[in-house]
Structures are given as structure tokens and as C-alpha cells.
Amino acid sequence: MLNVIRRKVDRLLSEIKYMGALRQHAKKLPALTAQDRLIAEACRQEGAFVTSLEGLGLPFTTPMLEEAEKLLVKMQADLASRTDLSTWGTTENPAYPQIFTVTDLPAFSQWAQNQRLLNIIESYIGLPVAFQGVHLRRDFANEHPVTTEFWHRDLEDRRVIKLFVYLSDVAIETGPYEYIPRSKTPAAIVRRIQASFAKRIETNPYDMGITDEEMAAIVPRADWHTCVGAAGTVLFSDPVAVFHHGKSRTQGRSALFFVYTAQDPLRPQDCKQYSDRTYARPEQFQPQTESSVPAMP
């Protein structure tokens, strides 16, 4: 009982300190252009904003895309060298994503730490920001939820920006990012979603969230926002603030996931995966001949 009380007191003190830091830093937030204020405000109001690499017009975009394309070929070869792809992505063998950490590569880190981009994110987070890292990710055909296809919210910090860059065209069949705007999830709805998740993990403790059917019983599908887009689409979202998932898919897709938090995040242990060896790194790739590389399922 004493430990429970102590944890509650610690959480309360942490929140008081956090709110004070927000108030203090509010006077130091960077000035934004009208376009960039629109991005930050959309994230604040609804939890997401969709634009494009062309629309952002950030430097280092071309070398970043060129490096990503080279690495996707190597990822494909790496997967072929250690996996039988004959059933990859079928319902009998549900596909897990292939994720590689590319945080240390200048082509990605330079783009990610552009000052204009950091200013937009700081304006939303409300505190000095930390670029936690970037994953290059391939998601394969998977018609039933296995991991992030379940509806869920992330945990890294109180406010987070994850910036998704589509490297392939993303339509309904390729599993776009889907979210429910903040305006559609008042506290009563959040409690119902959390109760549905709690009920699910009683029998499925490893599930990440709830299914489409379970979510639709609480929030109408008409209120879900589906972020389809051509290669080069850029999505800003706070996956801590909004319920979201990668829609189940019949075709694969590839994307970059850039992650930003406050400099002192609420759960730093959950941020390590973007810079440590939780996932493979480019230097681990094994060279393959071109003929041995299969097409993406």
C-alpha cells in the first residue's frame, strides 16, 4: 500500500514539474511562419498533419531519398539471405515488419535535424526537443492484425512527433497510417477504448491494442482518418495523443519513421530502440548478388 501511494505521489510531482516547465518554456518557443504554424496547430488540435517532401522543401531531401533506396535494396537482400519468403505475408504466416535503424547515417540525421523542422516540433511539444532517431521500415502483406495493425497509442513521452515519410505509394491495399482525431476521442470515449483493450489482453496478453471491429463499436468508421498518399508523402503525428494503427494490407509498403520527444522524455527506456541495436543496422547487411534479390511480396 505504501509503495502504491509513493508511486502516485511521484507521478503527481512529475506532472507538476512538467507543467511548470511548459509554462516557463512557452516564452522561448521559436517563431514560425504561417505555413509551419498550421502544421503545429493541426497536431495540437487533431493529432496529425499531412504534407509532402516537395511541400516542405527541406535541404538534404534528395540525398536522403537516394540513400533510402540503396538501403531498401540491401534490406531486401538481407531478408532473402536468411528467410524463406514463399509464405511471407500470407495468413498462415503473418508478416512482421522488417526494421532497420539508420539514425547514425548523415543522409538521414542531417535532414531530420533541420532547424526549421525542429522549430515546428518544438512549438508542438512545448519544450526543447530531442531527435531520438529514425527507422527504415518495410511492412509486408498482412490481412489480419499482428503488431501495429492493432489500434493503440504510443508511450515514449507526454507529447511526441513521429514523422513518417512514404517511400512507396500508399493506398488502402498497402496499409496506410490511420488515426482518430483528438476531437473525436473525449475522455469518456478514451475510457471505453481502454476498457476494450483491457478486456482483450485478459485473453490475448501480447496484443498491442484492439481490432477494427472493436474500435468501430466505439468510434464510427466515418470518424477515422486514413492517410493514403504517393511516395514522398510526409505525415506529422503524435501517436501518444491519438489512437492509430497501420491498416492491415494486401500489399507491402516502405517508409521512414523519424521520432522526436522532449529532451527529458517520460519513458526514456522506450526511446532507446531508435538508436541502439534493438533492430539491425546497415553495417550488418550481407552483400548479395542482384539475381538473388526477390521482389517485395
C-alpha atoms as a PDB file:
ATOM      1  CA  MET A   1       0.000   0.000   0.000  1.00  0.00           C
ATOM      2  CA  LEU A   2       2.807   2.379   0.910  1.00  0.00           C
ATOM      3  CA  ASN A   3       4.533   1.692  -2.431  1.00  0.00           C
ATOM      4  CA  VAL A   4       1.306   2.454  -4.315  1.00  0.00           C
ATOM      5  CA  ILE A   5       0.947   5.769  -2.507  1.00  0.00           C
ATOM      6  CA  ARG A   6       4.592   6.602  -3.154  1.00  0.00           C
ATOM      7  CA  ARG A   7       4.216   5.923  -6.889  1.00  0.00           C
ATOM      8  CA  LYS A   8       1.126   8.124  -7.071  1.00  0.00           C
ATOM      9  CA  VAL A   9       2.906  10.949  -5.271  1.00  0.00           C
ATOM     10  CA  ASP A  10       5.929  10.605  -7.565  1.00  0.00           C
ATOM     11  CA  ARG A  11       3.688  10.772 -10.646  1.00  0.00           C
ATOM     12  CA  LEU A  12       1.900  13.846  -9.297  1.00  0.00           C
ATOM     13  CA  LEU A  13       5.173  15.628  -8.557  1.00  0.00           C
ATOM     14  CA  SER A  14       6.463  14.710 -12.012  1.00  0.00           C
ATOM     15  CA  GLU A  15       3.373  16.190 -13.656  1.00  0.00           C
ATOM     16  CA  ILE A  16       3.622  19.383 -11.597  1.00  0.00           C
ATOM     17  CA  LYS A  17       7.254  19.755 -12.650  1.00  0.00           C
ATOM     18  CA  TYR A  18       6.309  19.100 -16.279  1.00  0.00           C
ATOM     19  CA  MET A  19       3.522  21.695 -16.311  1.00  0.00           C
ATOM     20  CA  GLY A  20       5.887  24.240 -14.788  1.00  0.00           C
ATOM     21  CA  ALA A  21       8.485  23.534 -17.470  1.00  0.00           C
ATOM     22  CA  LEU A  22       5.859  24.042 -20.184  1.00  0.00           C
ATOM     23  CA  ARG A  23       4.849  27.409 -18.752  1.00  0.00           C
ATOM     24  CA  GLN A  24       8.440  28.537 -18.407  1.00  0.00           C
ATOM     25  CA  HIS A  25       9.446  27.486 -21.921  1.00  0.00           C
ATOM     26  CA  ALA A  26       6.339  28.980 -23.560  1.00  0.00           C
ATOM     27  CA  LYS A  27       8.130  32.337 -23.668  1.00  0.00           C
ATOM     28  CA  LYS A  28      11.074  30.785 -25.528  1.00  0.00           C
ATOM     29  CA  LEU A  29       9.248  28.914 -28.281  1.00  0.00           C
ATOM     30  CA  PRO A  30      10.594  29.660 -31.776  1.00  0.00           C
ATOM     31  CA  ALA A  31       8.728  31.919 -34.157  1.00  0.00           C
ATOM     32  CA  LEU A  32       7.093  30.058 -37.040  1.00  0.00           C
ATOM     33  CA  THR A  33       5.911  31.030 -40.490  1.00  0.00           C
ATOM     34  CA  ALA A  34       2.180  30.841 -41.159  1.00  0.00           C
ATOM     35  CA  GLN A  35       2.659  27.531 -43.012  1.00  0.00           C
ATOM     36  CA  ASP A  36       4.631  25.983 -40.168  1.00  0.00           C
ATOM     37  CA  ARG A  37       2.178  27.224 -37.532  1.00  0.00           C
ATOM     38  CA  LEU A  38      -0.515  25.369 -39.475  1.00  0.00           C
ATOM     39  CA  ILE A  39       1.409  22.096 -39.041  1.00  0.00           C
ATOM     40  CA  ALA A  40       1.950  22.574 -35.307  1.00  0.00           C
ATOM     41  CA  GLU A  41      -1.636  23.678 -34.736  1.00  0.00           C
ATOM     42  CA  ALA A  42      -3.083  20.737 -36.661  1.00  0.00           C
ATOM     43  CA  CYS A  43      -1.065  18.359 -34.492  1.00  0.00           C
ATOM     44  CA  ARG A  44      -2.310  20.182 -31.403  1.00  0.00           C
ATOM     45  CA  GLN A  45      -5.962  20.150 -32.437  1.00  0.00           C
ATOM     46  CA  GLU A  46      -6.346  16.844 -34.269  1.00  0.00           C
ATOM     47  CA  GLY A  47      -3.099  14.948 -33.736  1.00  0.00           C
ATOM     48  CA  ALA A  48      -1.771  14.843 -37.298  1.00  0.00           C
ATOM     49  CA  PHE A  49      -0.938  16.814 -40.440  1.00  0.00           C
ATOM     50  CA  VAL A  50      -0.246  15.516 -43.955  1.00  0.00           C
ATOM     51  CA  THR A  51       2.057  17.255 -46.416  1.00  0.00           C
ATOM     52  CA  SER A  52       4.844  16.172 -48.788  1.00  0.00           C
ATOM     53  CA  LEU A  53       8.604  16.353 -49.177  1.00  0.00           C
ATOM     54  CA  GLU A  54       8.065  18.810 -52.008  1.00  0.00           C
ATOM     55  CA  GLY A  55       5.754  20.912 -49.859  1.00  0.00           C
ATOM     56  CA  LEU A  56       8.251  21.041 -47.007  1.00  0.00           C
ATOM     57  CA  GLY A  57      11.167  21.799 -49.322  1.00  0.00           C
ATOM     58  CA  LEU A  58      13.836  20.898 -46.762  1.00  0.00           C
ATOM     59  CA  PRO A  59      17.522  20.637 -47.724  1.00  0.00           C
ATOM     60  CA  PHE A  60      19.162  17.183 -47.943  1.00  0.00           C
ATOM     61  CA  THR A  61      15.924  15.619 -49.233  1.00  0.00           C
ATOM     62  CA  THR A  62      17.498  14.210 -52.413  1.00  0.00           C
ATOM     63  CA  PRO A  63      20.492  12.507 -50.731  1.00  0.00           C
ATOM     64  CA  MET A  64      18.168  11.131 -48.049  1.00  0.00           C
ATOM     65  CA  LEU A  65      15.901   9.517 -50.658  1.00  0.00           C
ATOM     66  CA  GLU A  66      18.845   8.180 -52.636  1.00  0.00           C
ATOM     67  CA  GLU A  67      20.318   6.576 -49.533  1.00  0.00           C
ATOM     68  CA  ALA A  68      16.955   5.124 -48.537  1.00  0.00           C
ATOM     69  CA  GLU A  69      16.553   3.493 -51.967  1.00  0.00           C
ATOM     70  CA  LYS A  70      20.005   1.914 -51.736  1.00  0.00           C
ATOM     71  CA  LEU A  71      19.274   0.579 -48.260  1.00  0.00           C
ATOM     72  CA  LEU A  72      15.896  -0.842 -49.277  1.00  0.00           C
ATOM     73  CA  VAL A  73      17.668  -2.979 -51.872  1.00  0.00           C
ATOM     74  CA  LYS A  74      20.139  -4.155 -49.219  1.00  0.00           C
ATOM     75  CA  MET A  75      17.317  -4.857 -46.768  1.00  0.00           C
ATOM     76  CA  GLN A  76      15.604  -6.959 -49.399  1.00  0.00           C
ATOM     77  CA  ALA A  77      18.804  -8.893 -49.985  1.00  0.00           C
ATOM     78  CA  ASP A  78      19.395  -9.337 -46.255  1.00  0.00           C
ATOM     79  CA  LEU A  79      15.921 -10.761 -45.795  1.00  0.00           C
ATOM     80  CA  ALA A  80      16.392 -13.115 -48.735  1.00  0.00           C
ATOM     81  CA  SER A  81      19.643 -14.434 -47.271  1.00  0.00           C
ATOM     82  CA  ARG A  82      18.009 -15.638 -44.059  1.00  0.00           C
ATOM     83  CA  THR A  83      14.295 -16.148 -44.774  1.00  0.00           C
ATOM     84  CA  ASP A  84      12.156 -18.361 -46.934  1.00  0.00           C
ATOM     85  CA  LEU A  85       9.750 -15.867 -48.478  1.00  0.00           C
ATOM     86  CA  SER A  86       7.476 -18.467 -50.041  1.00  0.00           C
ATOM     87  CA  THR A  87       4.793 -17.906 -47.384  1.00  0.00           C
ATOM     88  CA  TRP A  88       5.855 -14.464 -46.178  1.00  0.00           C
ATOM     89  CA  GLY A  89       2.822 -12.257 -45.738  1.00  0.00           C
ATOM     90  CA  THR A  90       0.175 -14.947 -46.010  1.00  0.00           C
ATOM     91  CA  THR A  91      -2.495 -15.538 -43.396  1.00  0.00           C
ATOM     92  CA  GLU A  92      -0.736 -18.768 -42.412  1.00  0.00           C
ATOM     93  CA  ASN A  93       2.488 -16.874 -41.735  1.00  0.00           C
ATOM     94  CA  PRO A  94       1.542 -13.266 -40.826  1.00  0.00           C
ATOM     95  CA  ALA A  95       4.188 -10.739 -41.805  1.00  0.00           C
ATOM     96  CA  TYR A  96       6.160  -8.866 -39.207  1.00  0.00           C
ATOM     97  CA  PRO A  97       7.807  -5.622 -40.309  1.00  0.00           C
ATOM     98  CA  GLN A  98      11.446  -5.506 -41.299  1.00  0.00           C
ATOM     99  CA  ILE A  99      13.011  -2.603 -39.406  1.00  0.00           C
ATOM    100  CA  PHE A 100      16.491  -1.161 -39.616  1.00  0.00           C
ATOM    101  CA  THR A 101      17.968   1.630 -37.519  1.00  0.00           C
ATOM    102  CA  VAL A 102      19.628   4.290 -39.700  1.00  0.00           C
ATOM    103  CA  THR A 103      19.883   7.083 -37.128  1.00  0.00           C
ATOM    104  CA  ASP A 104      23.657   7.440 -37.402  1.00  0.00           C
ATOM    105  CA  LEU A 105      23.750   7.890 -41.161  1.00  0.00           C
ATOM    106  CA  PRO A 106      24.276  11.564 -42.137  1.00  0.00           C
ATOM    107  CA  ALA A 107      21.829  11.344 -45.050  1.00  0.00           C
ATOM    108  CA  PHE A 108      19.024  10.867 -42.529  1.00  0.00           C
ATOM    109  CA  SER A 109      20.254  12.727 -39.448  1.00  0.00           C
ATOM    110  CA  GLN A 110      21.024  15.919 -41.374  1.00  0.00           C
ATOM    111  CA  TRP A 111      17.539  16.029 -42.849  1.00  0.00           C
ATOM    112  CA  ALA A 112      15.932  15.160 -39.511  1.00  0.00           C
ATOM    113  CA  GLN A 113      17.718  17.917 -37.617  1.00  0.00           C
ATOM    114  CA  ASN A 114      16.981  20.784 -39.959  1.00  0.00           C
ATOM    115  CA  GLN A 115      16.340  23.787 -37.726  1.00  0.00           C
ATOM    116  CA  ARG A 116      13.035  24.688 -39.348  1.00  0.00           C
ATOM    117  CA  LEU A 117      11.757  21.162 -38.768  1.00  0.00           C
ATOM    118  CA  LEU A 118      12.963  21.191 -35.149  1.00  0.00           C
ATOM    119  CA  ASN A 119      11.211  24.546 -34.627  1.00  0.00           C
ATOM    120  CA  ILE A 120       7.870  23.131 -35.794  1.00  0.00           C
ATOM    121  CA  ILE A 121       8.231  20.157 -33.482  1.00  0.00           C
ATOM    122  CA  GLU A 122       9.375  22.254 -30.512  1.00  0.00           C
ATOM    123  CA  SER A 123       6.358  24.511 -30.983  1.00  0.00           C
ATOM    124  CA  TYR A 124       4.110  21.461 -30.678  1.00  0.00           C
ATOM    125  CA  ILE A 125       5.954  19.645 -27.874  1.00  0.00           C
ATOM    126  CA  GLY A 126       6.361  22.870 -25.915  1.00  0.00           C
ATOM    127  CA  LEU A 127       9.863  22.059 -24.657  1.00  0.00           C
ATOM    128  CA  PRO A 128      13.369  21.738 -26.138  1.00  0.00           C
ATOM    129  CA  VAL A 129      13.273  18.666 -28.350  1.00  0.00           C
ATOM    130  CA  ALA A 130      15.432  15.613 -28.858  1.00  0.00           C
ATOM    131  CA  PHE A 131      15.714  13.754 -32.142  1.00  0.00           C
ATOM    132  CA  GLN A 132      15.567  10.162 -30.917  1.00  0.00           C
ATOM    133  CA  GLY A 133      16.289   8.505 -34.248  1.00  0.00           C
ATOM    134  CA  VAL A 134      14.898   7.048 -37.440  1.00  0.00           C
ATOM    135  CA  HIS A 135      13.819   3.610 -38.612  1.00  0.00           C
ATOM    136  CA  LEU A 136      13.723   2.482 -42.205  1.00  0.00           C
ATOM    137  CA  ARG A 137      10.820   0.057 -42.319  1.00  0.00           C
ATOM    138  CA  ARG A 138       9.274  -2.404 -44.754  1.00  0.00           C
ATOM    139  CA  ASP A 139       5.782  -3.701 -43.945  1.00  0.00           C
ATOM    140  CA  PHE A 140       4.539  -6.744 -45.820  1.00  0.00           C
ATOM    141  CA  ALA A 141       1.154  -8.073 -46.847  1.00  0.00           C
ATOM    142  CA  ASN A 142      -0.812  -8.879 -43.730  1.00  0.00           C
ATOM    143  CA  GLU A 143      -4.604  -9.021 -43.845  1.00  0.00           C
ATOM    144  CA  HIS A 144      -5.007  -9.597 -40.106  1.00  0.00           C
ATOM    145  CA  PRO A 145      -3.539  -7.531 -37.246  1.00  0.00           C
ATOM    146  CA  VAL A 146      -0.357  -8.873 -35.669  1.00  0.00           C
ATOM    147  CA  THR A 147       1.623  -5.911 -34.294  1.00  0.00           C
ATOM    148  CA  THR A 148       0.979  -2.250 -35.086  1.00  0.00           C
ATOM    149  CA  GLU A 149      -2.099  -3.153 -37.131  1.00  0.00           C
ATOM    150  CA  PHE A 150      -3.978  -3.140 -33.811  1.00  0.00           C
ATOM    151  CA  TRP A 151      -5.353   0.232 -32.678  1.00  0.00           C
ATOM    152  CA  HIS A 152      -3.138   1.652 -29.939  1.00  0.00           C
ATOM    153  CA  ARG A 153      -1.341   4.702 -28.582  1.00  0.00           C
ATOM    154  CA  ASP A 154       2.426   5.003 -28.106  1.00  0.00           C
ATOM    155  CA  LEU A 155       4.236   5.566 -24.816  1.00  0.00           C
ATOM    156  CA  GLU A 156       7.568   7.352 -25.220  1.00  0.00           C
ATOM    157  CA  ASP A 157       6.644  10.755 -23.820  1.00  0.00           C
ATOM    158  CA  ARG A 158       3.749  13.036 -22.928  1.00  0.00           C
ATOM    159  CA  ARG A 159       3.965  14.581 -26.400  1.00  0.00           C
ATOM    160  CA  VAL A 160       5.747  13.005 -29.327  1.00  0.00           C
ATOM    161  CA  ILE A 161       6.087  13.753 -33.004  1.00  0.00           C
ATOM    162  CA  LYS A 162       6.629  10.849 -35.332  1.00  0.00           C
ATOM    163  CA  LEU A 163       7.270  11.952 -38.847  1.00  0.00           C
ATOM    164  CA  PHE A 164       6.508   9.327 -41.480  1.00  0.00           C
ATOM    165  CA  VAL A 165       7.921   9.637 -44.989  1.00  0.00           C
ATOM    166  CA  TYR A 166       6.300   7.292 -47.514  1.00  0.00           C
ATOM    167  CA  LEU A 167       8.920   5.770 -49.789  1.00  0.00           C
ATOM    168  CA  SER A 168       6.338   3.929 -51.878  1.00  0.00           C
ATOM    169  CA  ASP A 169       2.824   4.812 -52.974  1.00  0.00           C
ATOM    170  CA  VAL A 170       0.443   4.028 -50.115  1.00  0.00           C
ATOM    171  CA  ALA A 171      -3.185   3.216 -50.907  1.00  0.00           C
ATOM    172  CA  ILE A 172      -5.784   1.276 -48.941  1.00  0.00           C
ATOM    173  CA  GLU A 173      -4.362  -2.048 -50.088  1.00  0.00           C
ATOM    174  CA  THR A 174      -0.848  -1.115 -48.897  1.00  0.00           C
ATOM    175  CA  GLY A 175      -1.833  -0.316 -45.325  1.00  0.00           C
ATOM    176  CA  PRO A 176      -1.833   3.455 -44.726  1.00  0.00           C
ATOM    177  CA  TYR A 177      -1.474   5.100 -41.334  1.00  0.00           C
ATOM    178  CA  GLU A 178      -4.945   5.544 -39.884  1.00  0.00           C
ATOM    179  CA  TYR A 179      -5.866   7.610 -36.835  1.00  0.00           C
ATOM    180  CA  ILE A 180      -8.801   9.017 -34.933  1.00  0.00           C
ATOM    181  CA  PRO A 181      -8.630  12.811 -34.480  1.00  0.00           C
ATOM    182  CA  ARG A 182      -8.366  14.105 -30.942  1.00  0.00           C
ATOM    183  CA  SER A 183     -11.690  15.909 -31.328  1.00  0.00           C
ATOM    184  CA  LYS A 184     -13.393  12.512 -31.760  1.00  0.00           C
ATOM    185  CA  THR A 185     -11.979  11.000 -28.576  1.00  0.00           C
ATOM    186  CA  PRO A 186     -13.164  12.911 -25.482  1.00  0.00           C
ATOM    187  CA  ALA A 187     -12.323  11.429 -22.100  1.00  0.00           C
ATOM    188  CA  ALA A 188     -15.404   9.193 -21.998  1.00  0.00           C
ATOM    189  CA  ILE A 189     -14.506   7.631 -25.367  1.00  0.00           C
ATOM    190  CA  VAL A 190     -10.889   7.129 -24.287  1.00  0.00           C
ATOM    191  CA  ARG A 191     -12.076   5.249 -21.197  1.00  0.00           C
ATOM    192  CA  ARG A 192     -14.246   2.969 -23.349  1.00  0.00           C
ATOM    193  CA  ILE A 193     -11.342   2.220 -25.693  1.00  0.00           C
ATOM    194  CA  GLN A 194      -9.042   1.491 -22.762  1.00  0.00           C
ATOM    195  CA  ALA A 195     -11.658  -0.801 -21.235  1.00  0.00           C
ATOM    196  CA  SER A 196     -11.961  -2.672 -24.540  1.00  0.00           C
ATOM    197  CA  PHE A 197      -8.185  -3.101 -24.661  1.00  0.00           C
ATOM    198  CA  ALA A 198      -8.079  -4.303 -21.047  1.00  0.00           C
ATOM    199  CA  LYS A 199     -10.718  -6.902 -21.856  1.00  0.00           C
ATOM    200  CA  ARG A 200      -8.766  -8.084 -24.903  1.00  0.00           C
ATOM    201  CA  ILE A 201      -5.459  -8.572 -23.091  1.00  0.00           C
ATOM    202  CA  GLU A 202      -7.128 -10.733 -20.476  1.00  0.00           C
ATOM    203  CA  THR A 203      -7.169 -13.486 -23.092  1.00  0.00           C
ATOM    204  CA  ASN A 204      -4.562 -12.118 -25.551  1.00  0.00           C
ATOM    205  CA  PRO A 205      -1.819 -10.573 -23.364  1.00  0.00           C
ATOM    206  CA  TYR A 206       0.555  -9.988 -26.285  1.00  0.00           C
ATOM    207  CA  ASP A 207      -1.842  -7.965 -28.424  1.00  0.00           C
ATOM    208  CA  MET A 208      -0.816  -4.343 -28.885  1.00  0.00           C
ATOM    209  CA  GLY A 209      -4.340  -2.927 -28.990  1.00  0.00           C
ATOM    210  CA  ILE A 210      -7.806  -3.566 -30.341  1.00  0.00           C
ATOM    211  CA  THR A 211      -9.177  -4.645 -33.718  1.00  0.00           C
ATOM    212  CA  ASP A 212     -11.076  -2.615 -36.306  1.00  0.00           C
ATOM    213  CA  GLU A 213     -14.315  -4.250 -35.222  1.00  0.00           C
ATOM    214  CA  GLU A 214     -13.739  -3.403 -31.570  1.00  0.00           C
ATOM    215  CA  MET A 215     -12.838   0.197 -32.409  1.00  0.00           C
ATOM    216  CA  ALA A 216     -15.815   0.616 -34.753  1.00  0.00           C
ATOM    217  CA  ALA A 217     -18.136  -0.350 -31.896  1.00  0.00           C
ATOM    218  CA  ILE A 218     -16.864   2.710 -30.005  1.00  0.00           C
ATOM    219  CA  VAL A 219     -15.860   5.236 -32.695  1.00  0.00           C
ATOM    220  CA  PRO A 220     -17.689   5.148 -36.075  1.00  0.00           C
ATOM    221  CA  ARG A 221     -15.502   4.352 -39.067  1.00  0.00           C
ATOM    222  CA  ALA A 222     -16.594   7.647 -40.593  1.00  0.00           C
ATOM    223  CA  ASP A 223     -14.522   9.390 -37.914  1.00  0.00           C
ATOM    224  CA  TRP A 224     -11.319   7.546 -38.794  1.00  0.00           C
ATOM    225  CA  HIS A 225      -8.777   9.407 -40.941  1.00  0.00           C
ATOM    226  CA  THR A 226      -6.881   7.300 -43.476  1.00  0.00           C
ATOM    227  CA  CYS A 227      -3.591   8.793 -44.694  1.00  0.00           C
ATOM    228  CA  VAL A 228      -3.111   7.485 -48.231  1.00  0.00           C
ATOM    229  CA  GLY A 229      -0.555   9.184 -50.434  1.00  0.00           C
ATOM    230  CA  ALA A 230       2.055   8.905 -53.149  1.00  0.00           C
ATOM    231  CA  ALA A 231       5.708   8.249 -52.448  1.00  0.00           C
ATOM    232  CA  GLY A 232       7.056  11.441 -50.867  1.00  0.00           C
ATOM    233  CA  THR A 233       4.024  11.995 -48.652  1.00  0.00           C
ATOM    234  CA  VAL A 234       5.012  13.259 -45.193  1.00  0.00           C
ATOM    235  CA  LEU A 235       2.847  12.722 -42.140  1.00  0.00           C
ATOM    236  CA  PHE A 236       3.350  14.529 -38.834  1.00  0.00           C
ATOM    237  CA  SER A 237       1.518  12.811 -35.990  1.00  0.00           C
ATOM    238  CA  ASP A 238       1.528  12.495 -32.227  1.00  0.00           C
ATOM    239  CA  PRO A 239       0.911   8.768 -31.728  1.00  0.00           C
ATOM    240  CA  VAL A 240       0.723   9.270 -27.980  1.00  0.00           C
ATOM    241  CA  ALA A 241      -2.190  11.681 -28.333  1.00  0.00           C
ATOM    242  CA  VAL A 242      -4.224   9.766 -30.931  1.00  0.00           C
ATOM    243  CA  PHE A 243      -5.361   6.198 -31.322  1.00  0.00           C
ATOM    244  CA  HIS A 244      -3.826   4.922 -34.536  1.00  0.00           C
ATOM    245  CA  HIS A 245      -2.619   1.895 -36.448  1.00  0.00           C
ATOM    246  CA  GLY A 246      -1.113   0.814 -39.721  1.00  0.00           C
ATOM    247  CA  LYS A 247      -4.096  -0.510 -41.613  1.00  0.00           C
ATOM    248  CA  SER A 248      -3.953  -4.223 -42.469  1.00  0.00           C
ATOM    249  CA  ARG A 249      -2.797  -4.678 -46.056  1.00  0.00           C
ATOM    250  CA  THR A 250      -2.677  -6.979 -49.044  1.00  0.00           C
ATOM    251  CA  GLN A 251       0.496  -5.400 -50.475  1.00  0.00           C
ATOM    252  CA  GLY A 252       3.752  -4.220 -48.939  1.00  0.00           C
ATOM    253  CA  ARG A 253       4.990  -0.691 -48.352  1.00  0.00           C
ATOM    254  CA  SER A 254       8.153   1.076 -47.202  1.00  0.00           C
ATOM    255  CA  ALA A 255       8.631   4.231 -45.143  1.00  0.00           C
ATOM    256  CA  LEU A 256      10.953   6.185 -42.885  1.00  0.00           C
ATOM    257  CA  PHE A 257       9.882   6.774 -39.258  1.00  0.00           C
ATOM    258  CA  PHE A 258      11.549   9.811 -37.606  1.00  0.00           C
ATOM    259  CA  VAL A 259      10.946  10.191 -33.849  1.00  0.00           C
ATOM    260  CA  TYR A 260      11.099  13.330 -31.664  1.00  0.00           C
ATOM    261  CA  THR A 261      10.402  13.829 -27.948  1.00  0.00           C
ATOM    262  CA  ALA A 262      11.241  16.365 -25.272  1.00  0.00           C
ATOM    263  CA  GLN A 263      14.884  16.290 -24.180  1.00  0.00           C
ATOM    264  CA  ASP A 264      13.827  14.614 -20.933  1.00  0.00           C
ATOM    265  CA  PRO A 265      11.163  12.142 -22.115  1.00  0.00           C
ATOM    266  CA  LEU A 266       8.723  10.495 -19.758  1.00  0.00           C
ATOM    267  CA  ARG A 267       9.874   6.972 -20.659  1.00  0.00           C
ATOM    268  CA  PRO A 268      13.472   7.148 -21.920  1.00  0.00           C
ATOM    269  CA  GLN A 269      13.707   3.348 -21.960  1.00  0.00           C
ATOM    270  CA  ASP A 270      11.144   3.285 -24.766  1.00  0.00           C
ATOM    271  CA  CYS A 271      13.263   5.672 -26.837  1.00  0.00           C
ATOM    272  CA  LYS A 272      16.403   3.510 -26.908  1.00  0.00           C
ATOM    273  CA  GLN A 273      15.124   1.371 -29.794  1.00  0.00           C
ATOM    274  CA  TYR A 274      15.734   4.263 -32.201  1.00  0.00           C
ATOM    275  CA  SER A 275      19.484   4.378 -31.555  1.00  0.00           C
ATOM    276  CA  ASP A 276      20.565   1.051 -30.033  1.00  0.00           C
ATOM    277  CA  ARG A 277      20.772  -2.428 -31.535  1.00  0.00           C
ATOM    278  CA  THR A 278      17.190  -3.485 -30.926  1.00  0.00           C
ATOM    279  CA  TYR A 279      16.939  -3.660 -34.723  1.00  0.00           C
ATOM    280  CA  ALA A 280      19.574  -4.372 -37.356  1.00  0.00           C
ATOM    281  CA  ARG A 281      21.867  -1.660 -38.626  1.00  0.00           C
ATOM    282  CA  PRO A 282      23.241  -1.045 -42.153  1.00  0.00           C
ATOM    283  CA  GLU A 283      26.713  -2.363 -41.304  1.00  0.00           C
ATOM    284  CA  GLN A 284      25.163  -5.777 -40.632  1.00  0.00           C
ATOM    285  CA  PHE A 285      23.899  -6.167 -44.200  1.00  0.00           C
ATOM    286  CA  GLN A 286      25.342  -9.094 -46.082  1.00  0.00           C
ATOM    287  CA  PRO A 287      26.140  -8.400 -49.748  1.00  0.00           C
ATOM    288  CA  GLN A 288      24.027 -10.341 -52.238  1.00  0.00           C
ATOM    289  CA  THR A 289      24.133 -10.760 -55.974  1.00  0.00           C
ATOM    290  CA  GLU A 290      21.397  -8.922 -57.809  1.00  0.00           C
ATOM    291  CA  SER A 291      19.886 -12.155 -59.106  1.00  0.00           C
ATOM    292  CA  SER A 292      19.316 -13.444 -55.563  1.00  0.00           C
ATOM    293  CA  VAL A 293      17.159 -10.498 -54.543  1.00  0.00           C
ATOM    294  CA  PRO A 294      13.428 -11.255 -54.696  1.00  0.00           C
ATOM    295  CA  ALA A 295      10.741  -8.662 -55.303  1.00  0.00           C
ATOM    296  CA  MET A 296       8.871  -7.272 -52.304  1.00  0.00           C
ATOM    297  CA  PRO A 297       5.897  -9.526 -51.539  1.00  0.00           C
END
